Amino acid sequence: MPAIGPRSPHRRRHNVTVQGNLIDSVAANSGMEVSVFGNTGRPLDSALVSGNIIIRGGGWNGSQYGMHVGSPSSTSYFSNAYTSAIISNNMFALPSATA
């Protein structure tokens, strides 16, 4: 097997990397959104989402999540695009309320 180094052609590259973030107490929307913006946004080809901490992610504004990773919507200029994502070592917490 060939060596995999920073310049190796076998090294997997991601067009988006989201690592080492702390998100705490999101009020309205998803705690972390990794996707494209609007119908003209270029597709998210690949993503690495790792080592993030999301506390009380996912707000009241409709169906919101602690984390959302997604491709363009069906109304996008790139509606047939897909996303390949590696999501690892993230922590989600919903601490209990204290009196």
Foldseek 3Di string as FASTA:
>chain_A
DDDDDPPDPPDDDFPEEAADEEFEADAAAFREEAFAPDQAGDWRAEYEYAHYEFENGGHDHPGHYNYDYFTHDCNHPPNVHGYHYDYDHYHYYYDDDDD
